[in-house]
Amino acid sequence: MDQDITPELAKSFGTKVTKGVIVAAVVPGSPAEKGGLKRWDIIESLNGKQIENVNMLSLFLPAMGPGSPTTIEVIRDGKPVTVKLTIGSLPR
């Protein structure tokens, strides 16, 4: 399960980022994996909108809908990275 970044977690990840969501897992074969999202990435923004916590992310993603192209700004290994992917649909 993804979780909010905290000051303690930010320190352990070697970043000063205090808002965002830590990616705890990426499902093999998922749009996230195909787009290049990795475990332990810290999601900072989604299509230019700051993501402050898990609740905000869980509201934005479903509203976008399957097939929507998405740009995600993450912190990976202390450095900013841009990930581009297409939103998928949940399996039934």
N, C-alpha and C. Protein backbone atom coordinates (compact mmCIF):
# COMPACT_ATOMS: atom_id res chain seq x y z
N MET A 1 0.84 -1.18 0.00
CA MET A 1 0.00 0.00 0.00
C MET A 1 0.88 1.24 0.00
N ASP A 2 0.56 2.19 -0.85
CA ASP A 2 1.31 3.44 -0.91
C ASP A 2 1.08 4.21 0.39
N GLN A 3 2.04 5.09 0.72
CA GLN A 3 1.88 5.86 1.95
C GLN A 3 2.41 7.27 1.78
N ASP A 4 1.92 8.16 2.64
CA ASP A 4 2.36 9.55 2.62
C ASP A 4 3.82 9.63 3.02
N ILE A 5 4.53 10.61 2.45
CA ILE A 5 5.90 10.87 2.87
C ILE A 5 5.82 11.66 4.18
N THR A 6 6.69 11.36 5.08
CA THR A 6 6.80 12.08 6.35
C THR A 6 8.22 12.62 6.45
N PRO A 7 8.48 13.56 7.34
CA PRO A 7 9.86 14.05 7.49
C PRO A 7 10.85 12.92 7.80
N GLU A 8 10.43 11.97 8.59
CA GLU A 8 11.31 10.85 8.94
C GLU A 8 11.61 9.99 7.71
N LEU A 9 10.57 9.69 6.92
CA LEU A 9 10.75 8.90 5.71
C LEU A 9 11.58 9.68 4.68
N ALA A 10 11.33 10.98 4.57
CA ALA A 10 12.10 11.80 3.64
C ALA A 10 13.59 11.70 3.96
N LYS A 11 13.90 11.78 5.24
CA LYS A 11 15.31 11.67 5.65
C LYS A 11 15.89 10.32 5.26
N SER A 12 15.13 9.24 5.48
CA SER A 12 15.62 7.91 5.15
C SER A 12 15.78 7.71 3.64
N PHE A 13 15.01 8.48 2.83
CA PHE A 13 15.10 8.41 1.38
C PHE A 13 16.13 9.40 0.83
N GLY A 14 16.73 10.19 1.73
CA GLY A 14 17.75 11.14 1.30
C GLY A 14 17.20 12.32 0.53
N THR A 15 16.00 12.78 0.91
CA THR A 15 15.37 13.92 0.23
C THR A 15 14.77 14.86 1.25
N LYS A 16 14.53 16.08 0.83
CA LYS A 16 13.87 17.06 1.70
C LYS A 16 12.40 17.22 1.34
N VAL A 17 11.92 16.41 0.39
CA VAL A 17 10.52 16.44 -0.03
C VAL A 17 9.65 16.05 1.17
N THR A 18 8.66 16.88 1.48
CA THR A 18 7.80 16.59 2.64
C THR A 18 6.34 16.37 2.26
N LYS A 19 6.03 16.48 0.97
CA LYS A 19 4.67 16.21 0.51
C LYS A 19 4.78 15.25 -0.66
N GLY A 20 3.90 14.28 -0.69
CA GLY A 20 3.91 13.31 -1.77
C GLY A 20 3.53 11.94 -1.28
N VAL A 21 3.65 10.96 -2.19
CA VAL A 21 3.24 9.60 -1.90
C VAL A 21 4.36 8.64 -2.30
N ILE A 22 4.71 7.77 -1.38
CA ILE A 22 5.72 6.75 -1.65
C ILE A 22 5.05 5.56 -2.31
N VAL A 23 5.60 5.13 -3.45
CA VAL A 23 5.09 3.95 -4.15
C VAL A 23 5.66 2.72 -3.45
N ALA A 24 4.80 1.97 -2.79
CA ALA A 24 5.24 0.80 -2.02
C ALA A 24 5.42 -0.44 -2.91
N ALA A 25 4.68 -0.51 -4.00
CA ALA A 25 4.77 -1.67 -4.89
C ALA A 25 4.27 -1.29 -6.27
N VAL A 26 4.82 -1.95 -7.28
CA VAL A 26 4.37 -1.77 -8.66
C VAL A 26 4.02 -3.16 -9.19
N VAL A 27 2.80 -3.33 -9.64
CA VAL A 27 2.32 -4.63 -10.12
C VAL A 27 2.99 -4.95 -11.46
N PRO A 28 3.61 -6.14 -11.57
CA PRO A 28 4.22 -6.53 -12.84
C PRO A 28 3.20 -6.51 -13.98
N GLY A 29 3.60 -5.92 -15.11
CA GLY A 29 2.73 -5.84 -16.27
C GLY A 29 1.70 -4.72 -16.24
N SER A 30 1.66 -3.97 -15.16
CA SER A 30 0.68 -2.89 -15.02
C SER A 30 1.11 -1.67 -15.84
N PRO A 31 0.17 -0.75 -16.10
CA PRO A 31 0.53 0.49 -16.77
C PRO A 31 1.63 1.26 -16.02
N ALA A 32 1.60 1.18 -14.70
CA ALA A 32 2.64 1.86 -13.90
C ALA A 32 4.02 1.29 -14.22
N GLU A 33 4.12 -0.04 -14.27
CA GLU A 33 5.40 -0.66 -14.59
C GLU A 33 5.81 -0.35 -16.03
N LYS A 34 4.87 -0.47 -16.95
CA LYS A 34 5.18 -0.20 -18.36
C LYS A 34 5.62 1.24 -18.57
N GLY A 35 5.08 2.15 -17.77
CA GLY A 35 5.44 3.57 -17.88
C GLY A 35 6.74 3.93 -17.19
N GLY A 36 7.25 3.01 -16.37
CA GLY A 36 8.54 3.26 -15.72
C GLY A 36 8.47 3.64 -14.26
N LEU A 37 7.29 3.59 -13.65
CA LEU A 37 7.18 3.86 -12.22
C LEU A 37 7.86 2.73 -11.46
N LYS A 38 8.57 3.08 -10.39
CA LYS A 38 9.32 2.07 -9.64
C LYS A 38 8.98 2.12 -8.15
N ARG A 39 9.18 0.96 -7.52
CA ARG A 39 8.98 0.88 -6.07
C ARG A 39 9.90 1.90 -5.40
N TRP A 40 9.38 2.59 -4.43
CA TRP A 40 10.06 3.61 -3.62
C TRP A 40 10.15 4.96 -4.32
N ASP A 41 9.58 5.12 -5.53
CA ASP A 41 9.46 6.46 -6.10
C ASP A 41 8.57 7.28 -5.17
N ILE A 42 8.84 8.57 -5.10
CA ILE A 42 8.00 9.48 -4.33
C ILE A 42 7.24 10.35 -5.34
N ILE A 43 5.94 10.15 -5.44
CA ILE A 43 5.12 10.90 -6.38
C ILE A 43 4.91 12.30 -5.83
N GLU A 44 5.35 13.31 -6.61
CA GLU A 44 5.18 14.71 -6.22
C GLU A 44 4.02 15.37 -6.94
N SER A 45 3.87 15.06 -8.24
CA SER A 45 2.78 15.69 -8.98
C SER A 45 2.25 14.76 -10.07
N LEU A 46 1.02 15.03 -10.43
CA LEU A 46 0.30 14.26 -11.45
C LEU A 46 -0.28 15.27 -12.43
N ASN A 47 0.22 15.25 -13.67
CA ASN A 47 -0.20 16.22 -14.69
C ASN A 47 -0.09 17.66 -14.18
N GLY A 48 1.00 17.93 -13.47
CA GLY A 48 1.27 19.29 -12.99
C GLY A 48 0.57 19.67 -11.70
N LYS A 49 -0.27 18.80 -11.15
CA LYS A 49 -0.97 19.09 -9.90
C LYS A 49 -0.22 18.43 -8.75
N GLN A 50 0.15 19.24 -7.75
CA GLN A 50 0.88 18.72 -6.59
C GLN A 50 0.07 17.64 -5.89
N ILE A 51 0.71 16.53 -5.60
CA ILE A 51 0.09 15.45 -4.84
C ILE A 51 0.66 15.50 -3.43
N GLU A 52 -0.18 15.83 -2.48
CA GLU A 52 0.30 16.00 -1.11
C GLU A 52 0.23 14.72 -0.29
N ASN A 53 -0.73 13.83 -0.62
CA ASN A 53 -0.89 12.62 0.19
C ASN A 53 -1.66 11.56 -0.59
N VAL A 54 -1.79 10.39 0.02
CA VAL A 54 -2.47 9.25 -0.61
C VAL A 54 -3.92 9.59 -0.94
N ASN A 55 -4.61 10.29 -0.05
CA ASN A 55 -6.01 10.63 -0.30
C ASN A 55 -6.16 11.45 -1.58
N MET A 56 -5.28 12.41 -1.77
CA MET A 56 -5.34 13.25 -2.96
C MET A 56 -5.09 12.40 -4.22
N LEU A 57 -4.09 11.52 -4.16
CA LEU A 57 -3.79 10.65 -5.30
C LEU A 57 -4.98 9.74 -5.62
N SER A 58 -5.63 9.21 -4.58
CA SER A 58 -6.75 8.29 -4.80
C SER A 58 -7.98 9.02 -5.37
N LEU A 59 -8.05 10.32 -5.23
CA LEU A 59 -9.13 11.09 -5.84
C LEU A 59 -8.83 11.43 -7.30
N PHE A 60 -7.58 11.79 -7.59
CA PHE A 60 -7.20 12.21 -8.94
C PHE A 60 -7.19 11.06 -9.94
N LEU A 61 -6.61 9.92 -9.57
CA LEU A 61 -6.45 8.82 -10.53
C LEU A 61 -7.77 8.31 -11.10
N PRO A 62 -8.76 7.97 -10.28
CA PRO A 62 -10.02 7.47 -10.86
C PRO A 62 -10.74 8.52 -11.72
N ALA A 63 -10.58 9.78 -11.37
CA ALA A 63 -11.25 10.84 -12.13
C ALA A 63 -10.68 10.97 -13.54
N MET A 64 -9.45 10.51 -13.74
CA MET A 64 -8.81 10.63 -15.05
C MET A 64 -9.36 9.62 -16.05
N GLY A 65 -9.65 8.42 -15.59
CA GLY A 65 -10.23 7.41 -16.45
C GLY A 65 -9.21 6.64 -17.27
N PRO A 66 -9.54 5.39 -17.57
CA PRO A 66 -8.65 4.53 -18.36
C PRO A 66 -8.33 5.14 -19.73
N GLY A 67 -7.09 4.98 -20.14
CA GLY A 67 -6.65 5.48 -21.43
C GLY A 67 -6.12 6.90 -21.42
N SER A 68 -6.20 7.56 -20.26
CA SER A 68 -5.72 8.94 -20.17
C SER A 68 -4.19 8.97 -20.09
N PRO A 69 -3.55 9.76 -20.97
CA PRO A 69 -2.10 9.92 -20.85
C PRO A 69 -1.80 10.77 -19.62
N THR A 70 -0.74 10.40 -18.91
CA THR A 70 -0.44 11.03 -17.64
C THR A 70 1.06 11.27 -17.50
N THR A 71 1.40 12.42 -16.96
CA THR A 71 2.78 12.74 -16.63
C THR A 71 2.89 12.80 -15.11
N ILE A 72 3.81 12.02 -14.58
CA ILE A 72 4.00 11.96 -13.13
C ILE A 72 5.42 12.40 -12.81
N GLU A 73 5.54 13.37 -11.92
CA GLU A 73 6.85 13.82 -11.45
C GLU A 73 7.14 13.08 -10.15
N VAL A 74 8.27 12.39 -10.12
CA VAL A 74 8.65 11.63 -8.93
C VAL A 74 10.07 12.00 -8.50
N ILE A 75 10.38 11.66 -7.28
CA ILE A 75 11.74 11.72 -6.77
C ILE A 75 12.20 10.27 -6.70
N ARG A 76 13.32 9.98 -7.36
CA ARG A 76 13.87 8.62 -7.37
C ARG A 76 15.35 8.73 -7.02
N ASP A 77 15.73 8.05 -5.96
CA ASP A 77 17.13 8.11 -5.51
C ASP A 77 17.57 9.55 -5.30
N GLY A 78 16.67 10.37 -4.76
CA GLY A 78 16.98 11.76 -4.44
C GLY A 78 16.97 12.72 -5.61
N LYS A 79 16.61 12.24 -6.82
CA LYS A 79 16.63 13.08 -8.01
C LYS A 79 15.25 13.12 -8.67
N PRO A 80 14.88 14.28 -9.27
CA PRO A 80 13.60 14.36 -9.97
C PRO A 80 13.61 13.54 -11.27
N VAL A 81 12.51 12.83 -11.51
CA VAL A 81 12.35 12.01 -12.70
C VAL A 81 10.92 12.21 -13.21
N THR A 82 10.76 12.29 -14.53
CA THR A 82 9.44 12.39 -15.14
C THR A 82 9.06 11.03 -15.72
N VAL A 83 7.87 10.55 -15.36
CA VAL A 83 7.36 9.27 -15.84
C VAL A 83 6.09 9.57 -16.64
N LYS A 84 6.03 9.04 -17.87
CA LYS A 84 4.84 9.21 -18.70
C LYS A 84 4.20 7.85 -18.90
N LEU A 85 2.90 7.76 -18.61
CA LEU A 85 2.19 6.50 -18.76
C LEU A 85 0.75 6.76 -19.13
N THR A 86 0.05 5.69 -19.42
CA THR A 86 -1.38 5.75 -19.73
C THR A 86 -2.13 5.05 -18.61
N ILE A 87 -3.12 5.73 -18.07
CA ILE A 87 -3.93 5.16 -16.99
C ILE A 87 -4.62 3.90 -17.49
N GLY A 88 -4.54 2.83 -16.69
CA GLY A 88 -5.19 1.58 -17.03
C GLY A 88 -6.51 1.45 -16.30
N SER A 89 -7.10 0.28 -16.40
CA SER A 89 -8.34 -0.01 -15.68
C SER A 89 -8.06 -1.12 -14.69
N LEU A 90 -8.84 -1.13 -13.63
CA LEU A 90 -8.69 -2.19 -12.62
C LEU A 90 -9.25 -3.49 -13.16
N PRO A 91 -8.55 -4.59 -12.87
CA PRO A 91 -9.10 -5.89 -13.30
C PRO A 91 -10.40 -6.18 -12.57
N ARG A 92 -11.30 -6.90 -13.24
CA ARG A 92 -12.58 -7.22 -12.62
C ARG A 92 -12.46 -8.36 -11.66
